[in-house]
Amino acid sequence: MFIDEVRIRVKAGNGGNGCVAFRREKFVPRGGPSGGDGGHGGDVILESSQRHNTLVHFRYYPEHKAQRGGHGLGSNCTGRAGADIVLKVPVGTVVYNEATGEVLHDFQAPDERVVIARGGRGGRGNQHFATPTHQAPRESEPGREGEEFHLRMELKLLADVGLVGYPNVGKSTLIARISAARPKIADYPFTTLEPNLGVVTVGEAPYDESFVVADIPGLIEGAHLGAGLGIQFLRHIERTRLLAHLIDVSDGSGRADPVEDFKVIQAELASFGHGLDTKPMLVVATKMDAANPEKLKKLQTLAKRRKLAFYPISAVTGAGIDALRYAIGEKVRELRAELSAAE
């Protein structure tokens, strides 16, 4: 089950209470205070992991609490510290404070660790309250409360390339053709109900390179407002370096104008925000084995006018697939180099 948004409650452990005790030994009269300090409460820690690719493990366990610290003991013994709790999240998870909307952390690499809720400090025992005029104190401190937060966690897939377009334009077929991903493919809209990732290799060993492609469920007009499935998955192309806009140029889609299809999807990307409509883009004409020449020409003219690279393909026959794969690989290499230079 692909779950990309959850709400959970985390509570760090409370600190242990300080102890009130006095030293009682033979031949040691008035031994003085010997109450130990309470132990610190455990922290709640989030850690990014490549072994997780969904937030489903939080869906049925929304409450997470670290261990409290032990109370102080006599003979100046400090209480046991509470055990930390470590929660694993997928790489690409953004953690928000539900109450304030503040971004607490954005996990963009594996094995990142962040303390999201700190345990309470242990209270001081009565040994700390002794003074020359107050030699038998009976005061101690209670442990401090551990931090508590209601969190919203949102997963945004990390991929180099995002495939966007109307439902049933061939996104799943393309990712199955160029990678080892095996998404569900059928001849009806909204076959893809969750994003699929595929790793694509370009070149020959030992000089081959690879990039990750995300197949995003189809968008329709009004997707940014919740129509169709778009609003659930538009966030997954926020981190992509490149978009490949797939447009059906056959007569099987039931839509007459590929230029209008392009404009509608672009408008949805712009309405969602986060710069989706300004990302580098390729235009891909799909289903060339059954293409309508007039539709193809109109889409090609649009791409030329907007100075966008244009690639006609047929995932069924394989025509144009290699050219597209190598073009995407080259563009991803350029974008990675630009990012490295900027850093």
Protein backbone atom coordinates (compact mmCIF):
# COMPACT_ATOMS: atom_id res chain seq x y z
CA MET A 1 0.00 0.00 0.00
CA PHE A 2 1.47 3.35 -1.03
CA ILE A 3 0.88 5.90 1.74
CA ASP A 4 2.54 9.28 1.21
CA GLU A 5 1.00 11.37 4.00
CA VAL A 6 0.41 10.55 7.66
CA ARG A 7 -0.20 12.34 10.95
CA ILE A 8 1.38 11.03 14.12
CA ARG A 9 1.93 12.05 17.74
CA VAL A 10 5.39 11.79 19.27
CA LYS A 11 6.17 12.17 22.97
CA ALA A 12 9.69 12.21 24.41
CA GLY A 13 10.24 10.62 27.81
CA ASN A 14 9.82 12.63 30.99
CA GLY A 15 12.81 13.08 33.25
CA GLY A 16 12.95 11.06 36.47
CA ASN A 17 12.31 12.73 39.80
CA GLY A 18 15.16 13.64 42.16
CA CYS A 19 15.43 11.61 45.37
CA VAL A 20 15.28 12.72 49.01
CA ALA A 21 17.61 10.47 51.04
CA PHE A 22 20.18 10.73 53.84
CA ARG A 23 23.37 8.83 54.47
CA ARG A 24 22.88 6.36 57.31
CA GLU A 25 25.98 4.43 58.33
CA LYS A 26 27.43 3.30 61.61
CA PHE A 27 30.02 5.67 63.00
CA VAL A 28 28.95 8.37 60.48
CA PRO A 29 26.59 10.62 62.42
CA ARG A 30 24.77 13.28 60.48
CA GLY A 31 25.85 11.75 57.18
CA GLY A 32 24.02 14.43 55.23
CA PRO A 33 21.78 14.35 52.15
CA SER A 34 22.47 11.61 49.57
CA GLY A 35 19.53 11.80 47.19
CA GLY A 36 20.49 11.09 43.57
CA ASP A 37 19.29 12.88 40.45
CA GLY A 38 16.62 11.55 38.16
CA GLY A 39 17.62 10.15 34.76
CA HIS A 40 16.98 12.04 31.54
CA GLY A 41 14.00 11.00 29.40
CA GLY A 42 14.54 9.33 26.03
CA ASP A 43 14.47 11.31 22.78
CA VAL A 44 12.31 10.66 19.73
CA ILE A 45 14.61 10.44 16.70
CA LEU A 46 13.68 10.30 13.01
CA GLU A 47 16.09 8.59 10.62
CA SER A 48 15.88 8.34 6.83
CA SER A 49 16.20 4.87 5.39
CA GLN A 50 16.48 3.51 1.85
CA ARG A 51 14.73 0.33 2.98
CA HIS A 52 11.44 2.21 3.28
CA ASN A 53 9.57 3.68 0.31
CA THR A 54 6.21 4.49 1.90
CA LEU A 55 4.81 5.80 5.19
CA VAL A 56 2.37 2.91 5.59
CA HIS A 57 4.06 1.69 8.79
CA PHE A 58 2.79 4.85 10.54
CA ARG A 59 -0.79 4.50 9.33
CA TYR A 60 -1.79 1.98 12.00
CA TYR A 61 0.66 3.11 14.70
CA PRO A 62 0.16 6.87 15.06
CA GLU A 63 1.36 7.13 18.69
CA HIS A 64 5.08 6.94 19.53
CA LYS A 65 6.47 7.52 23.01
CA ALA A 66 10.04 7.31 24.29
CA GLN A 67 10.89 5.83 27.69
CA ARG A 68 10.88 8.04 30.77
CA GLY A 69 13.96 8.42 32.95
CA GLY A 70 14.32 6.48 36.18
CA HIS A 71 13.92 8.22 39.53
CA GLY A 72 17.00 9.07 41.56
CA LEU A 73 18.11 6.72 44.36
CA GLY A 74 19.87 7.00 47.67
CA SER A 75 23.66 6.92 48.04
CA ASN A 76 23.85 9.65 45.37
CA CYS A 77 22.80 7.19 42.64
CA THR A 78 21.44 8.80 39.46
CA GLY A 79 18.36 7.22 37.90
CA ARG A 80 18.59 5.27 34.67
CA ALA A 81 18.28 7.33 31.47
CA GLY A 82 15.23 6.57 29.32
CA ALA A 83 15.78 4.71 26.04
CA ASP A 84 15.51 6.71 22.82
CA ILE A 85 13.05 5.66 20.14
CA VAL A 86 14.17 5.75 16.48
CA LEU A 87 11.50 6.00 13.78
CA LYS A 88 12.51 5.14 10.19
CA VAL A 89 11.16 7.27 7.34
CA PRO A 90 11.75 7.06 3.58
CA VAL A 91 14.22 9.39 1.91
CA GLY A 92 12.21 12.35 0.59
CA THR A 93 10.03 12.73 3.69
CA VAL A 94 9.21 16.26 4.85
CA VAL A 95 8.24 16.59 8.52
CA TYR A 96 5.91 19.41 9.60
CA ASN A 97 4.77 20.62 13.00
CA GLU A 98 1.02 20.09 12.63
CA ALA A 99 0.18 22.94 15.00
CA THR A 100 2.31 25.66 13.38
CA GLY A 101 2.93 24.36 9.85
CA GLU A 102 6.69 24.77 10.40
CA VAL A 103 8.99 22.45 8.45
CA LEU A 104 11.00 20.60 11.09
CA HIS A 105 13.18 18.64 8.65
CA ASP A 106 13.41 17.58 5.02
CA PHE A 107 15.12 14.21 4.57
CA GLN A 108 16.96 14.31 1.24
CA ALA A 109 19.66 11.68 1.81
CA PRO A 110 19.83 8.25 3.46
CA ASP A 111 20.89 7.83 7.10
CA GLU A 112 20.06 11.39 8.15
CA ARG A 113 19.13 11.56 11.83
CA VAL A 114 17.32 14.35 13.63
CA VAL A 115 16.06 14.58 17.19
CA ILE A 116 12.46 15.62 16.70
CA ALA A 117 11.41 15.63 20.39
CA ARG A 118 13.90 15.94 23.26
CA GLY A 119 13.49 14.05 26.50
CA GLY A 120 12.98 15.89 29.77
CA ARG A 121 15.90 16.56 32.09
CA GLY A 122 16.03 14.59 35.31
CA GLY A 123 15.23 16.40 38.55
CA ARG A 124 17.93 17.13 41.11
CA GLY A 125 18.15 15.15 44.34
CA ASN A 126 18.33 16.75 47.77
CA GLN A 127 22.15 16.58 47.80
CA HIS A 128 22.13 19.73 45.60
CA PHE A 129 20.15 21.77 48.12
CA ALA A 130 22.52 21.47 51.08
CA THR A 131 24.01 24.73 52.38
CA PRO A 132 26.03 25.59 55.50
CA THR A 133 22.81 26.77 57.16
CA HIS A 134 20.50 24.12 55.67
CA GLN A 135 22.33 20.86 56.10
CA ALA A 136 19.41 18.44 56.01
CA PRO A 137 17.30 19.57 53.03
CA ARG A 138 14.19 17.66 52.17
CA GLU A 139 13.72 19.40 48.85
CA SER A 140 14.14 17.75 45.46
CA GLU A 141 13.10 18.53 41.91
CA PRO A 142 10.59 16.66 39.79
CA GLY A 143 11.70 15.60 36.32
CA ARG A 144 10.98 17.89 33.38
CA GLU A 145 8.33 16.98 30.84
CA GLY A 146 9.55 15.57 27.55
CA GLU A 147 8.62 17.44 24.37
CA GLU A 148 5.43 16.43 22.60
CA PHE A 149 4.46 17.18 19.00
CA HIS A 150 1.75 16.34 16.54
CA LEU A 151 3.54 15.81 13.24
CA ARG A 152 2.43 15.67 9.64
CA MET A 153 4.79 13.72 7.43
CA GLU A 154 4.65 14.03 3.68
CA LEU A 155 6.61 11.87 1.27
CA LYS A 156 7.88 13.43 -1.95
CA LEU A 157 9.53 10.93 -4.24
CA LEU A 158 13.12 11.57 -5.30
CA ALA A 159 13.43 11.04 -9.04
CA ASP A 160 15.40 12.65 -11.86
CA VAL A 161 12.56 12.58 -14.38
CA GLY A 162 8.80 12.84 -13.95
CA LEU A 163 6.38 11.54 -16.59
CA VAL A 164 3.28 13.73 -16.74
CA GLY A 165 0.21 13.83 -18.95
CA TYR A 166 -3.43 12.87 -19.22
CA PRO A 167 -4.54 9.39 -18.09
CA ASN A 168 -3.93 6.57 -20.56
CA VAL A 169 -1.34 8.40 -22.71
CA GLY A 170 1.27 5.65 -22.26
CA LYS A 171 3.29 6.70 -19.21
CA SER A 172 3.19 3.26 -17.58
CA THR A 173 3.94 1.54 -20.87
CA LEU A 174 6.97 3.79 -21.40
CA ILE A 175 8.44 3.23 -17.93
CA ALA A 176 7.95 -0.52 -18.36
CA ARG A 177 9.73 -0.32 -21.72
CA ILE A 178 12.81 1.59 -20.55
CA SER A 179 13.26 0.17 -17.03
CA ALA A 180 12.66 -2.93 -14.94
CA ALA A 181 9.52 -1.41 -13.35
CA ARG A 182 6.36 -3.39 -13.98
CA PRO A 183 3.38 -1.10 -13.36
CA LYS A 184 -0.18 -2.17 -14.06
CA ILE A 185 -1.03 -1.42 -17.69
CA ALA A 186 -4.55 -1.47 -19.15
CA ASP A 187 -6.54 0.34 -21.82
CA TYR A 188 -8.63 2.56 -19.54
CA PRO A 189 -8.05 5.81 -17.63
CA PHE A 190 -6.51 5.88 -14.13
CA THR A 191 -4.91 2.45 -14.42
CA THR A 192 -2.02 3.85 -12.35
CA LEU A 193 -3.24 4.59 -8.85
CA GLU A 194 0.12 5.24 -7.23
CA PRO A 195 3.50 6.52 -8.46
CA ASN A 196 5.96 4.00 -9.88
CA LEU A 197 9.72 4.41 -9.94
CA GLY A 198 12.04 2.89 -12.52
CA VAL A 199 15.81 3.00 -12.86
CA VAL A 200 16.95 3.53 -16.46
CA THR A 201 20.50 2.72 -17.58
CA VAL A 202 22.09 4.60 -20.46
CA GLY A 203 25.29 3.49 -22.21
CA GLU A 204 27.37 0.36 -21.84
CA ALA A 205 29.38 -0.90 -18.87
CA PRO A 206 31.66 0.19 -17.33
CA TYR A 207 30.71 3.69 -18.51
CA ASP A 208 26.95 3.41 -18.15
CA GLU A 209 24.96 5.96 -16.19
CA SER A 210 21.51 5.70 -14.71
CA PHE A 211 18.63 7.96 -13.79
CA VAL A 212 15.36 7.45 -11.93
CA VAL A 213 12.01 7.97 -13.66
CA ALA A 214 8.72 8.51 -11.80
CA ASP A 215 5.46 7.52 -13.48
CA ILE A 216 2.88 9.88 -11.97
CA PRO A 217 -0.84 8.95 -12.12
CA GLY A 218 -2.64 10.85 -14.87
CA LEU A 219 -3.65 14.47 -14.46
CA ILE A 220 -6.88 16.06 -15.65
CA GLU A 221 -8.25 19.57 -15.65
CA GLY A 222 -8.79 20.73 -12.07
CA ALA A 223 -6.21 18.30 -10.65
CA HIS A 224 -4.71 21.01 -8.40
CA LEU A 225 -8.17 21.41 -6.82
CA GLY A 226 -8.64 17.70 -6.22
CA ALA A 227 -10.15 16.49 -9.50
CA GLY A 228 -9.11 12.98 -10.45
CA LEU A 229 -6.01 11.76 -8.63
CA GLY A 230 -3.71 14.67 -9.39
CA ILE A 231 -3.71 16.57 -6.12
CA GLN A 232 -2.50 13.45 -4.31
CA PHE A 233 0.55 13.05 -6.50
CA LEU A 234 1.58 16.43 -7.91
CA ARG A 235 3.95 16.80 -4.95
CA HIS A 236 5.96 13.84 -6.24
CA ILE A 237 7.29 15.81 -9.20
CA GLU A 238 8.44 18.77 -7.08
CA ARG A 239 11.94 17.28 -6.72
CA THR A 240 12.39 16.04 -10.27
CA ARG A 241 15.02 17.72 -12.43
CA LEU A 242 13.21 17.17 -15.72
CA LEU A 243 9.62 16.61 -16.89
CA ALA A 244 8.65 14.50 -19.87
CA HIS A 245 5.19 15.58 -21.03
CA LEU A 246 3.51 12.68 -22.82
CA ILE A 247 0.71 13.49 -25.26
CA ASP A 248 -1.38 10.97 -27.20
CA VAL A 249 -1.43 11.80 -30.94
CA SER A 250 -3.68 8.89 -31.90
CA ASP A 251 -7.46 9.07 -32.30
CA GLY A 252 -8.06 6.60 -29.46
CA SER A 253 -7.95 9.14 -26.63
CA GLY A 254 -11.26 10.82 -27.50
CA ARG A 255 -9.60 14.25 -27.21
CA ALA A 256 -9.37 16.21 -30.44
CA ASP A 257 -6.57 18.70 -29.85
CA PRO A 258 -3.10 17.71 -28.52
CA VAL A 259 -2.18 21.39 -28.17
CA GLU A 260 -5.11 21.89 -25.81
CA ASP A 261 -4.02 18.80 -23.87
CA PHE A 262 -0.58 20.34 -23.45
CA LYS A 263 -1.99 23.67 -22.28
CA VAL A 264 -4.37 22.09 -19.76
CA ILE A 265 -1.63 20.05 -18.08
CA GLN A 266 0.72 23.06 -18.06
CA ALA A 267 -2.00 25.14 -16.42
CA GLU A 268 -2.44 22.47 -13.73
CA LEU A 269 1.29 22.44 -13.02
CA ALA A 270 1.31 26.22 -12.77
CA SER A 271 -1.75 26.28 -10.49
CA PHE A 272 -0.19 23.76 -8.11
CA GLY A 273 2.83 26.05 -7.73
CA HIS A 274 6.32 25.13 -6.49
CA GLY A 275 7.74 25.99 -9.92
CA LEU A 276 6.45 22.84 -11.61
CA ASP A 277 5.60 24.67 -14.83
CA THR A 278 9.10 26.19 -15.09
CA LYS A 279 11.05 22.92 -14.89
CA PRO A 280 13.01 21.79 -17.97
CA MET A 281 10.69 19.77 -20.17
CA LEU A 282 10.60 17.41 -23.13
CA VAL A 283 7.50 16.89 -25.26
CA VAL A 284 6.85 13.26 -26.16
CA ALA A 285 4.28 12.27 -28.78
CA THR A 286 3.03 8.78 -27.91
CA LYS A 287 1.24 6.00 -29.80
CA MET A 288 2.98 6.81 -33.08
CA ASP A 289 1.96 3.38 -34.41
CA ALA A 290 -1.61 4.79 -34.64
CA ALA A 291 -0.81 8.50 -35.02
CA ASN A 292 -3.11 11.04 -36.61
CA PRO A 293 -0.79 13.06 -38.92
CA GLU A 294 -2.67 16.31 -38.30
CA LYS A 295 -2.40 15.95 -34.51
CA LEU A 296 1.28 15.10 -34.79
CA LYS A 297 2.00 18.15 -36.92
CA LYS A 298 0.15 20.51 -34.54
CA LEU A 299 2.04 19.17 -31.52
CA GLN A 300 5.39 19.35 -33.33
CA THR A 301 4.68 22.99 -34.28
CA LEU A 302 3.83 23.80 -30.65
CA ALA A 303 7.08 22.26 -29.38
CA LYS A 304 9.10 24.16 -31.97
CA ARG A 305 7.40 27.44 -31.11
CA ARG A 306 8.09 26.94 -27.39
CA LYS A 307 11.64 25.70 -28.08
CA LEU A 308 11.01 22.35 -26.42
CA ALA A 309 12.75 19.15 -27.53
CA PHE A 310 10.27 16.89 -29.34
CA TYR A 311 10.38 13.08 -29.49
CA PRO A 312 7.77 10.91 -31.25
CA ILE A 313 7.67 7.36 -29.88
CA SER A 314 5.70 4.15 -29.96
CA ALA A 315 6.07 2.04 -26.83
CA VAL A 316 4.36 -0.82 -28.68
CA THR A 317 6.77 -1.06 -31.61
CA GLY A 318 9.77 0.50 -29.82
CA ALA A 319 10.15 3.27 -32.40
CA GLY A 320 11.93 6.31 -30.94
CA ILE A 321 12.41 4.74 -27.50
CA ASP A 322 16.22 4.62 -27.61
CA ALA A 323 16.47 8.17 -28.92
CA LEU A 324 14.27 9.40 -26.07
CA ARG A 325 16.15 7.39 -23.45
CA TYR A 326 19.53 8.76 -24.53
CA ALA A 327 18.17 12.32 -24.81
CA ILE A 328 16.78 12.14 -21.27
CA GLY A 329 20.06 10.70 -20.00
CA GLU A 330 22.04 13.53 -21.61
CA LYS A 331 19.71 16.20 -20.23
CA VAL A 332 19.83 14.72 -16.71
CA ARG A 333 23.63 14.69 -16.90
CA GLU A 334 23.63 18.39 -17.83
CA LEU A 335 21.23 19.29 -15.02
CA ARG A 336 23.28 17.35 -12.46
CA ALA A 337 26.41 19.17 -13.60
CA GLU A 338 24.67 22.53 -13.25
CA LEU A 339 23.56 21.65 -9.73
CA SER A 340 27.07 20.55 -8.75
CA ALA A 341 28.54 23.78 -10.13
CA ALA A 342 25.99 25.86 -8.21
CA GLU A 343 26.94 24.12 -4.96
